[in-house]
Amino acid sequence: MSEPMLKVGAAEAQRNFGLYQDKALVQPVAITRNGRPRTVMISIEEYERLKRRDRQVMRSEDMPQDLADAILHAEPSEESKRYDHEVR
């Protein structure tokens, strides 16, 4: 979705729900109450794209040993050295 977010009042969204459903297919539609955004209407494709980006979280104790070893032995890239001054 590359279009900017459209903002519409709740009463307007309710009166013209079909119109804003159609608009939500190409851009997010923020539904406002008292001028403040409360909810966002987006297409199912955008929702599913965002859900795929969810991360799986696990406790370090539950991590497979090969993954723990890979993290333990990871080395920063040469490019990252340019940021060393930020942590000293």
PDB file of N, CA and C in Angstrom:
ATOM      1  N   MET A   1       0.852  -1.181   0.000  1.00  0.00           N
ATOM      2  CA  MET A   1       0.000   0.000   0.000  1.00  0.00           C
ATOM      3  C   MET A   1       0.888   1.231   0.000  1.00  0.00           C
ATOM      4  N   SER A   2       0.806   2.008  -1.052  1.00  0.00           N
ATOM      5  CA  SER A   2       1.665   3.170  -1.145  1.00  0.00           C
ATOM      6  C   SER A   2       0.915   4.481  -0.950  1.00  0.00           C
ATOM      7  N   GLU A   3      -0.401   4.442  -0.983  1.00  0.00           N
ATOM      8  CA  GLU A   3      -1.200   5.644  -0.803  1.00  0.00           C
ATOM      9  C   GLU A   3      -1.149   6.080   0.662  1.00  0.00           C
ATOM     10  N   PRO A   4      -1.239   7.403   0.916  1.00  0.00           N
ATOM     11  CA  PRO A   4      -1.277   7.862   2.310  1.00  0.00           C
ATOM     12  C   PRO A   4      -2.579   7.417   2.975  1.00  0.00           C
ATOM     13  N   MET A   5      -2.575   7.402   4.291  1.00  0.00           N
ATOM     14  CA  MET A   5      -3.750   6.959   5.034  1.00  0.00           C
ATOM     15  C   MET A   5      -4.860   7.999   4.933  1.00  0.00           C
ATOM     16  N   LEU A   6      -6.040   7.536   4.583  1.00  0.00           N
ATOM     17  CA  LEU A   6      -7.230   8.367   4.529  1.00  0.00           C
ATOM     18  C   LEU A   6      -7.838   8.393   5.923  1.00  0.00           C
ATOM     19  N   LYS A   7      -8.266   9.565   6.395  1.00  0.00           N
ATOM     20  CA  LYS A   7      -8.909   9.664   7.711  1.00  0.00           C
ATOM     21  C   LYS A   7     -10.356  10.080   7.512  1.00  0.00           C
ATOM     22  N   VAL A   8     -11.239   9.379   8.205  1.00  0.00           N
ATOM     23  CA  VAL A   8     -12.666   9.658   8.076  1.00  0.00           C
ATOM     24  C   VAL A   8     -13.336   9.474   9.440  1.00  0.00           C
ATOM     25  N   GLY A   9     -14.287  10.332   9.728  1.00  0.00           N
ATOM     26  CA  GLY A   9     -15.019  10.229  10.984  1.00  0.00           C
ATOM     27  C   GLY A   9     -15.879   8.981  11.024  1.00  0.00           C
ATOM     28  N   ALA A  10     -16.163   8.502  12.224  1.00  0.00           N
ATOM     29  CA  ALA A  10     -16.922   7.265  12.397  1.00  0.00           C
ATOM     30  C   ALA A  10     -18.320   7.370  11.788  1.00  0.00           C
ATOM     31  N   ALA A  11     -18.985   8.493  11.962  1.00  0.00           N
ATOM     32  CA  ALA A  11     -20.334   8.650  11.414  1.00  0.00           C
ATOM     33  C   ALA A  11     -20.295   8.612   9.889  1.00  0.00           C
ATOM     34  N   GLU A  12     -19.337   9.284   9.290  1.00  0.00           N
ATOM     35  CA  GLU A  12     -19.183   9.270   7.836  1.00  0.00           C
ATOM     36  C   GLU A  12     -18.871   7.864   7.344  1.00  0.00           C
ATOM     37  N   ALA A  13     -17.991   7.165   8.026  1.00  0.00           N
ATOM     38  CA  ALA A  13     -17.638   5.796   7.637  1.00  0.00           C
ATOM     39  C   ALA A  13     -18.859   4.885   7.716  1.00  0.00           C
ATOM     40  N   GLN A  14     -19.685   5.099   8.722  1.00  0.00           N
ATOM     41  CA  GLN A  14     -20.889   4.278   8.882  1.00  0.00           C
ATOM     42  C   GLN A  14     -21.894   4.568   7.763  1.00  0.00           C
ATOM     43  N   ARG A  15     -22.065   5.842   7.423  1.00  0.00           N
ATOM     44  CA  ARG A  15     -23.011   6.214   6.367  1.00  0.00           C
ATOM     45  C   ARG A  15     -22.588   5.671   5.004  1.00  0.00           C
ATOM     46  N   ASN A  16     -21.292   5.640   4.744  1.00  0.00           N
ATOM     47  CA  ASN A  16     -20.772   5.241   3.439  1.00  0.00           C
ATOM     48  C   ASN A  16     -19.798   4.076   3.569  1.00  0.00           C
ATOM     49  N   PHE A  17     -20.206   3.061   4.325  1.00  0.00           N
ATOM     50  CA  PHE A  17     -19.315   1.954   4.632  1.00  0.00           C
ATOM     51  C   PHE A  17     -18.763   1.276   3.382  1.00  0.00           C
ATOM     52  N   GLY A  18     -19.614   1.012   2.407  1.00  0.00           N
ATOM     53  CA  GLY A  18     -19.171   0.357   1.174  1.00  0.00           C
ATOM     54  C   GLY A  18     -18.094   1.147   0.450  1.00  0.00           C
ATOM     55  N   LEU A  19     -18.249   2.467   0.406  1.00  0.00           N
ATOM     56  CA  LEU A  19     -17.253   3.333  -0.234  1.00  0.00           C
ATOM     57  C   LEU A  19     -15.900   3.191   0.447  1.00  0.00           C
ATOM     58  N   TYR A  20     -15.889   3.237   1.775  1.00  0.00           N
ATOM     59  CA  TYR A  20     -14.613   3.165   2.499  1.00  0.00           C
ATOM     60  C   TYR A  20     -14.031   1.756   2.502  1.00  0.00           C
ATOM     61  N   GLN A  21     -14.893   0.747   2.387  1.00  0.00           N
ATOM     62  CA  GLN A  21     -14.393  -0.617   2.191  1.00  0.00           C
ATOM     63  C   GLN A  21     -13.615  -0.682   0.876  1.00  0.00           C
ATOM     64  N   ASP A  22     -14.177  -0.113  -0.165  1.00  0.00           N
ATOM     65  CA  ASP A  22     -13.501  -0.106  -1.464  1.00  0.00           C
ATOM     66  C   ASP A  22     -12.193   0.673  -1.400  1.00  0.00           C
ATOM     67  N   LYS A  23     -12.197   1.818  -0.726  1.00  0.00           N
ATOM     68  CA  LYS A  23     -10.975   2.615  -0.609  1.00  0.00           C
ATOM     69  C   LYS A  23      -9.892   1.865   0.169  1.00  0.00           C
ATOM     70  N   ALA A  24     -10.316   1.057   1.157  1.00  0.00           N
ATOM     71  CA  ALA A  24      -9.356   0.304   1.977  1.00  0.00           C
ATOM     72  C   ALA A  24      -8.639  -0.773   1.175  1.00  0.00           C
ATOM     73  N   LEU A  25      -9.144  -1.101  -0.005  1.00  0.00           N
ATOM     74  CA  LEU A  25      -8.454  -2.067  -0.852  1.00  0.00           C
ATOM     75  C   LEU A  25      -7.154  -1.511  -1.415  1.00  0.00           C
ATOM     76  N   VAL A  26      -7.045  -0.176  -1.513  1.00  0.00           N
ATOM     77  CA  VAL A  26      -5.847   0.440  -2.089  1.00  0.00           C
ATOM     78  C   VAL A  26      -5.090   1.352  -1.127  1.00  0.00           C
ATOM     79  N   GLN A  27      -5.711   1.696  -0.008  1.00  0.00           N
ATOM     80  CA  GLN A  27      -5.035   2.520   0.993  1.00  0.00           C
ATOM     81  C   GLN A  27      -5.688   2.302   2.348  1.00  0.00           C
ATOM     82  N   PRO A  28      -4.915   2.429   3.427  1.00  0.00           N
ATOM     83  CA  PRO A  28      -5.516   2.280   4.753  1.00  0.00           C
ATOM     84  C   PRO A  28      -6.498   3.422   5.027  1.00  0.00           C
ATOM     85  N   VAL A  29      -7.576   3.108   5.717  1.00  0.00           N
ATOM     86  CA  VAL A  29      -8.582   4.098   6.078  1.00  0.00           C
ATOM     87  C   VAL A  29      -8.652   4.154   7.599  1.00  0.00           C
ATOM     88  N   ALA A  30      -8.260   5.279   8.165  1.00  0.00           N
ATOM     89  CA  ALA A  30      -8.325   5.469   9.615  1.00  0.00           C
ATOM     90  C   ALA A  30      -9.714   5.973   9.975  1.00  0.00           C
ATOM     91  N   ILE A  31     -10.370   5.297  10.892  1.00  0.00           N
ATOM     92  CA  ILE A  31     -11.682   5.713  11.380  1.00  0.00           C
ATOM     93  C   ILE A  31     -11.441   6.508  12.661  1.00  0.00           C
ATOM     94  N   THR A  32     -11.904   7.754  12.660  1.00  0.00           N
ATOM     95  CA  THR A  32     -11.636   8.637  13.801  1.00  0.00           C
ATOM     96  C   THR A  32     -12.876   8.806  14.667  1.00  0.00           C
ATOM     97  N   ARG A  33     -12.621   9.143  15.912  1.00  0.00           N
ATOM     98  CA  ARG A  33     -13.681   9.491  16.861  1.00  0.00           C
ATOM     99  C   ARG A  33     -13.183  10.717  17.605  1.00  0.00           C
ATOM    100  N   ASN A  34     -13.970  11.750  17.589  1.00  0.00           N
ATOM    101  CA  ASN A  34     -13.576  13.028  18.184  1.00  0.00           C
ATOM    102  C   ASN A  34     -12.251  13.511  17.595  1.00  0.00           C
ATOM    103  N   GLY A  35     -12.063  13.247  16.295  1.00  0.00           N
ATOM    104  CA  GLY A  35     -10.872  13.718  15.599  1.00  0.00           C
ATOM    105  C   GLY A  35      -9.616  12.889  15.815  1.00  0.00           C
ATOM    106  N   ARG A  36      -9.717  11.827  16.603  1.00  0.00           N
ATOM    107  CA  ARG A  36      -8.545  10.994  16.895  1.00  0.00           C
ATOM    108  C   ARG A  36      -8.715   9.604  16.289  1.00  0.00           C
ATOM    109  N   PRO A  37      -7.695   9.117  15.577  1.00  0.00           N
ATOM    110  CA  PRO A  37      -7.805   7.779  14.985  1.00  0.00           C
ATOM    111  C   PRO A  37      -8.006   6.702  16.051  1.00  0.00           C
ATOM    112  N   ARG A  38      -8.974   5.799  15.793  1.00  0.00           N
ATOM    113  CA  ARG A  38      -9.247   4.705  16.736  1.00  0.00           C
ATOM    114  C   ARG A  38      -9.053   3.339  16.101  1.00  0.00           C
ATOM    115  N   THR A  39      -9.400   3.203  14.841  1.00  0.00           N
ATOM    116  CA  THR A  39      -9.248   1.926  14.139  1.00  0.00           C
ATOM    117  C   THR A  39      -8.774   2.206  12.715  1.00  0.00           C
ATOM    118  N   VAL A  40      -8.264   1.150  12.074  1.00  0.00           N
ATOM    119  CA  VAL A  40      -7.822   1.262  10.689  1.00  0.00           C
ATOM    120  C   VAL A  40      -8.432   0.117   9.896  1.00  0.00           C
ATOM    121  N   MET A  41      -8.968   0.450   8.737  1.00  0.00           N
ATOM    122  CA  MET A  41      -9.514  -0.544   7.830  1.00  0.00           C
ATOM    123  C   MET A  41      -8.485  -0.763   6.716  1.00  0.00           C
ATOM    124  N   ILE A  42      -8.104  -2.027   6.504  1.00  0.00           N
ATOM    125  CA  ILE A  42      -7.141  -2.377   5.460  1.00  0.00           C
ATOM    126  C   ILE A  42      -7.665  -3.583   4.684  1.00  0.00           C
ATOM    127  N   SER A  43      -7.076  -3.813   3.515  1.00  0.00           N
ATOM    128  CA  SER A  43      -7.477  -4.971   2.714  1.00  0.00           C
ATOM    129  C   SER A  43      -7.035  -6.259   3.396  1.00  0.00           C
ATOM    130  N   ILE A  44      -7.684  -7.338   3.039  1.00  0.00           N
ATOM    131  CA  ILE A  44      -7.304  -8.644   3.590  1.00  0.00           C
ATOM    132  C   ILE A  44      -5.879  -9.003   3.165  1.00  0.00           C
ATOM    133  N   GLU A  45      -5.490  -8.618   1.956  1.00  0.00           N
ATOM    134  CA  GLU A  45      -4.132  -8.908   1.490  1.00  0.00           C
ATOM    135  C   GLU A  45      -3.098  -8.207   2.370  1.00  0.00           C
ATOM    136  N   GLU A  46      -3.372  -6.944   2.711  1.00  0.00           N
ATOM    137  CA  GLU A  46      -2.442  -6.208   3.568  1.00  0.00           C
ATOM    138  C   GLU A  46      -2.405  -6.807   4.969  1.00  0.00           C
ATOM    139  N   TYR A  47      -3.558  -7.197   5.492  1.00  0.00           N
ATOM    140  CA  TYR A  47      -3.625  -7.828   6.801  1.00  0.00           C
ATOM    141  C   TYR A  47      -2.806  -9.121   6.812  1.00  0.00           C
ATOM    142  N   GLU A  48      -2.993  -9.954   5.781  1.00  0.00           N
ATOM    143  CA  GLU A  48      -2.254 -11.213   5.715  1.00  0.00           C
ATOM    144  C   GLU A  48      -0.760 -10.973   5.557  1.00  0.00           C
ATOM    145  N   ARG A  49      -0.373  -9.945   4.805  1.00  0.00           N
ATOM    146  CA  ARG A  49       1.045  -9.608   4.671  1.00  0.00           C
ATOM    147  C   ARG A  49       1.630  -9.230   6.032  1.00  0.00           C
ATOM    148  N   LEU A  50       0.905  -8.444   6.772  1.00  0.00           N
ATOM    149  CA  LEU A  50       1.379  -8.038   8.102  1.00  0.00           C
ATOM    150  C   LEU A  50       1.446  -9.223   9.054  1.00  0.00           C
ATOM    151  N   LYS A  51       0.475 -10.112   8.988  1.00  0.00           N
ATOM    152  CA  LYS A  51       0.482 -11.293   9.855  1.00  0.00           C
ATOM    153  C   LYS A  51       1.677 -12.195   9.557  1.00  0.00           C
ATOM    154  N   ARG A  52       2.063 -12.298   8.281  1.00  0.00           N
ATOM    155  CA  ARG A  52       3.218 -13.127   7.932  1.00  0.00           C
ATOM    156  C   ARG A  52       4.495 -12.566   8.546  1.00  0.00           C
ATOM    157  N   ARG A  53       4.499 -11.285   8.847  1.00  0.00           N
ATOM    158  CA  ARG A  53       5.686 -10.668   9.413  1.00  0.00           C
ATOM    159  C   ARG A  53       5.785 -10.847  10.922  1.00  0.00           C
ATOM    160  N   ASP A  54       4.744 -11.398  11.548  1.00  0.00           N
ATOM    161  CA  ASP A  54       4.792 -11.659  12.988  1.00  0.00           C
ATOM    162  C   ASP A  54       6.005 -12.537  13.290  1.00  0.00           C
ATOM    163  N   ARG A  55       6.571 -12.321  14.415  1.00  0.00           N
ATOM    164  CA  ARG A  55       7.752 -13.100  14.802  1.00  0.00           C
ATOM    165  C   ARG A  55       7.371 -14.180  15.787  1.00  0.00           C
ATOM    166  N   GLN A  56       8.094 -15.268  15.689  1.00  0.00           N
ATOM    167  CA  GLN A  56       7.917 -16.330  16.673  1.00  0.00           C
ATOM    168  C   GLN A  56       8.866 -16.031  17.825  1.00  0.00           C
ATOM    169  N   VAL A  57       8.348 -16.102  19.023  1.00  0.00           N
ATOM    170  CA  VAL A  57       9.147 -15.802  20.209  1.00  0.00           C
ATOM    171  C   VAL A  57       9.342 -17.083  21.006  1.00  0.00           C
ATOM    172  N   MET A  58      10.561 -17.272  21.500  1.00  0.00           N
ATOM    173  CA  MET A  58      10.823 -18.434  22.345  1.00  0.00           C
ATOM    174  C   MET A  58      11.783 -18.026  23.456  1.00  0.00           C
ATOM    175  N   ARG A  59      11.731 -18.753  24.527  1.00  0.00           N
ATOM    176  CA  ARG A  59      12.674 -18.524  25.621  1.00  0.00           C
ATOM    177  C   ARG A  59      14.025 -19.093  25.210  1.00  0.00           C
ATOM    178  N   SER A  60      15.086 -18.483  25.681  1.00  0.00           N
ATOM    179  CA  SER A  60      16.421 -18.974  25.321  1.00  0.00           C
ATOM    180  C   SER A  60      16.616 -20.423  25.770  1.00  0.00           C
ATOM    181  N   GLU A  61      15.969 -20.825  26.859  1.00  0.00           N
ATOM    182  CA  GLU A  61      16.084 -22.204  27.335  1.00  0.00           C
ATOM    183  C   GLU A  61      15.466 -23.195  26.352  1.00  0.00           C
ATOM    184  N   ASP A  62      14.506 -22.724  25.545  1.00  0.00           N
ATOM    185  CA  ASP A  62      13.808 -23.598  24.604  1.00  0.00           C
ATOM    186  C   ASP A  62      14.428 -23.579  23.209  1.00  0.00           C
ATOM    187  N   MET A  63      15.470 -22.787  23.039  1.00  0.00           N
ATOM    188  CA  MET A  63      16.099 -22.636  21.735  1.00  0.00           C
ATOM    189  C   MET A  63      16.885 -23.892  21.367  1.00  0.00           C
ATOM    190  N   PRO A  64      16.791 -24.328  20.114  1.00  0.00           N
ATOM    191  CA  PRO A  64      17.602 -25.475  19.693  1.00  0.00           C
ATOM    192  C   PRO A  64      19.096 -25.168  19.883  1.00  0.00           C
ATOM    193  N   GLN A  65      19.866 -26.151  20.291  1.00  0.00           N
ATOM    194  CA  GLN A  65      21.282 -25.939  20.589  1.00  0.00           C
ATOM    195  C   GLN A  65      22.061 -25.413  19.385  1.00  0.00           C
ATOM    196  N   ASP A  66      21.742 -25.881  18.178  1.00  0.00           N
ATOM    197  CA  ASP A  66      22.480 -25.405  17.000  1.00  0.00           C
ATOM    198  C   ASP A  66      22.246 -23.918  16.761  1.00  0.00           C
ATOM    199  N   LEU A  67      21.046 -23.417  17.053  1.00  0.00           N
ATOM    200  CA  LEU A  67      20.767 -21.996  16.912  1.00  0.00           C
ATOM    201  C   LEU A  67      21.505 -21.202  17.990  1.00  0.00           C
ATOM    202  N   ALA A  68      21.501 -21.696  19.227  1.00  0.00           N
ATOM    203  CA  ALA A  68      22.227 -21.031  20.312  1.00  0.00           C
ATOM    204  C   ALA A  68      23.714 -20.960  19.992  1.00  0.00           C
ATOM    205  N   ASP A  69      24.267 -22.041  19.455  1.00  0.00           N
ATOM    206  CA  ASP A  69      25.689 -22.053  19.078  1.00  0.00           C
ATOM    207  C   ASP A  69      25.974 -21.053  17.964  1.00  0.00           C
ATOM    208  N   ALA A  70      25.075 -20.968  16.990  1.00  0.00           N
ATOM    209  CA  ALA A  70      25.265 -20.025  15.882  1.00  0.00           C
ATOM    210  C   ALA A  70      25.268 -18.589  16.387  1.00  0.00           C
ATOM    211  N   ILE A  71      24.386 -18.271  17.312  1.00  0.00           N
ATOM    212  CA  ILE A  71      24.341 -16.922  17.883  1.00  0.00           C
ATOM    213  C   ILE A  71      25.595 -16.659  18.700  1.00  0.00           C
ATOM    214  N   LEU A  72      26.001 -17.621  19.499  1.00  0.00           N
ATOM    215  CA  LEU A  72      27.177 -17.482  20.349  1.00  0.00           C
ATOM    216  C   LEU A  72      28.446 -17.219  19.535  1.00  0.00           C
ATOM    217  N   HIS A  73      28.549 -17.846  18.368  1.00  0.00           N
ATOM    218  CA  HIS A  73      29.757 -17.725  17.560  1.00  0.00           C
ATOM    219  C   HIS A  73      29.638 -16.725  16.418  1.00  0.00           C
ATOM    220  N   ALA A  74      28.552 -15.964  16.381  1.00  0.00           N
ATOM    221  CA  ALA A  74      28.353 -14.980  15.309  1.00  0.00           C
ATOM    222  C   ALA A  74      29.359 -13.843  15.429  1.00  0.00           C
ATOM    223  N   GLU A  75      29.823 -13.366  14.309  1.00  0.00           N
ATOM    224  CA  GLU A  75      30.761 -12.246  14.260  1.00  0.00           C
ATOM    225  C   GLU A  75      30.117 -11.095  13.490  1.00  0.00           C
ATOM    226  N   PRO A  76      30.335  -9.864  13.940  1.00  0.00           N
ATOM    227  CA  PRO A  76      29.775  -8.724  13.202  1.00  0.00           C
ATOM    228  C   PRO A  76      30.476  -8.573  11.849  1.00  0.00           C
ATOM    229  N   SER A  77      29.763  -8.008  10.900  1.00  0.00           N
ATOM    230  CA  SER A  77      30.343  -7.791   9.573  1.00  0.00           C
ATOM    231  C   SER A  77      31.359  -6.653   9.645  1.00  0.00           C
ATOM    232  N   GLU A  78      32.222  -6.580   8.644  1.00  0.00           N
ATOM    233  CA  GLU A  78      33.203  -5.498   8.566  1.00  0.00           C
ATOM    234  C   GLU A  78      32.497  -4.148   8.505  1.00  0.00           C
ATOM    235  N   GLU A  79      31.385  -4.102   7.790  1.00  0.00           N
ATOM    236  CA  GLU A  79      30.643  -2.844   7.647  1.00  0.00           C
ATOM    237  C   GLU A  79      30.169  -2.304   8.989  1.00  0.00           C
ATOM    238  N   SER A  80      29.868  -3.191   9.923  1.00  0.00           N
ATOM    239  CA  SER A  80      29.338  -2.751  11.212  1.00  0.00           C
ATOM    240  C   SER A  80      30.378  -2.012  12.053  1.00  0.00           C
ATOM    241  N   LYS A  81      31.656  -2.148  11.724  1.00  0.00           N
ATOM    242  CA  LYS A  81      32.702  -1.473  12.507  1.00  0.00           C
ATOM    243  C   LYS A  81      32.543   0.036  12.480  1.00  0.00           C
ATOM    244  N   ARG A  82      31.905   0.559  11.433  1.00  0.00           N
ATOM    245  CA  ARG A  82      31.751   2.018  11.365  1.00  0.00           C
ATOM    246  C   ARG A  82      30.837   2.558  12.462  1.00  0.00           C
ATOM    247  N   TYR A  83      30.141   1.676  13.179  1.00  0.00           N
ATOM    248  CA  TYR A  83      29.275   2.096  14.269  1.00  0.00           C
ATOM    249  C   TYR A  83      29.886   1.866  15.648  1.00  0.00           C
ATOM    250  N   ASP A  84      31.124   1.369  15.690  1.00  0.00           N
ATOM    251  CA  ASP A  84      31.772   1.063  16.973  1.00  0.00           C
ATOM    252  C   ASP A  84      31.803   2.283  17.901  1.00  0.00           C
ATOM    253  N   HIS A  85      31.973   3.458  17.338  1.00  0.00           N
ATOM    254  CA  HIS A  85      32.079   4.654  18.172  1.00  0.00           C
ATOM    255  C   HIS A  85      30.788   4.916  18.951  1.00  0.00           C
ATOM    256  N   GLU A  86      29.669   4.371  18.510  1.00  0.00           N
ATOM    257  CA  GLU A  86      28.398   4.606  19.196  1.00  0.00           C
ATOM    258  C   GLU A  86      28.260   3.796  20.481  1.00  0.00           C
ATOM    259  N   VAL A  87      29.075   2.772  20.673  1.00  0.00           N
ATOM    260  CA  VAL A  87      28.945   1.939  21.870  1.00  0.00           C
ATOM    261  C   VAL A  87      30.154   2.037  22.789  1.00  0.00           C
ATOM    262  N   ARG A  88      31.032   2.921  22.481  1.00  0.00           N
ATOM    263  CA  ARG A  88      32.221   3.091  23.355  1.00  0.00           C
ATOM    264  C   ARG A  88      32.050   4.221  24.301  1.00  0.00           C
TER     265      ARG A  88
END
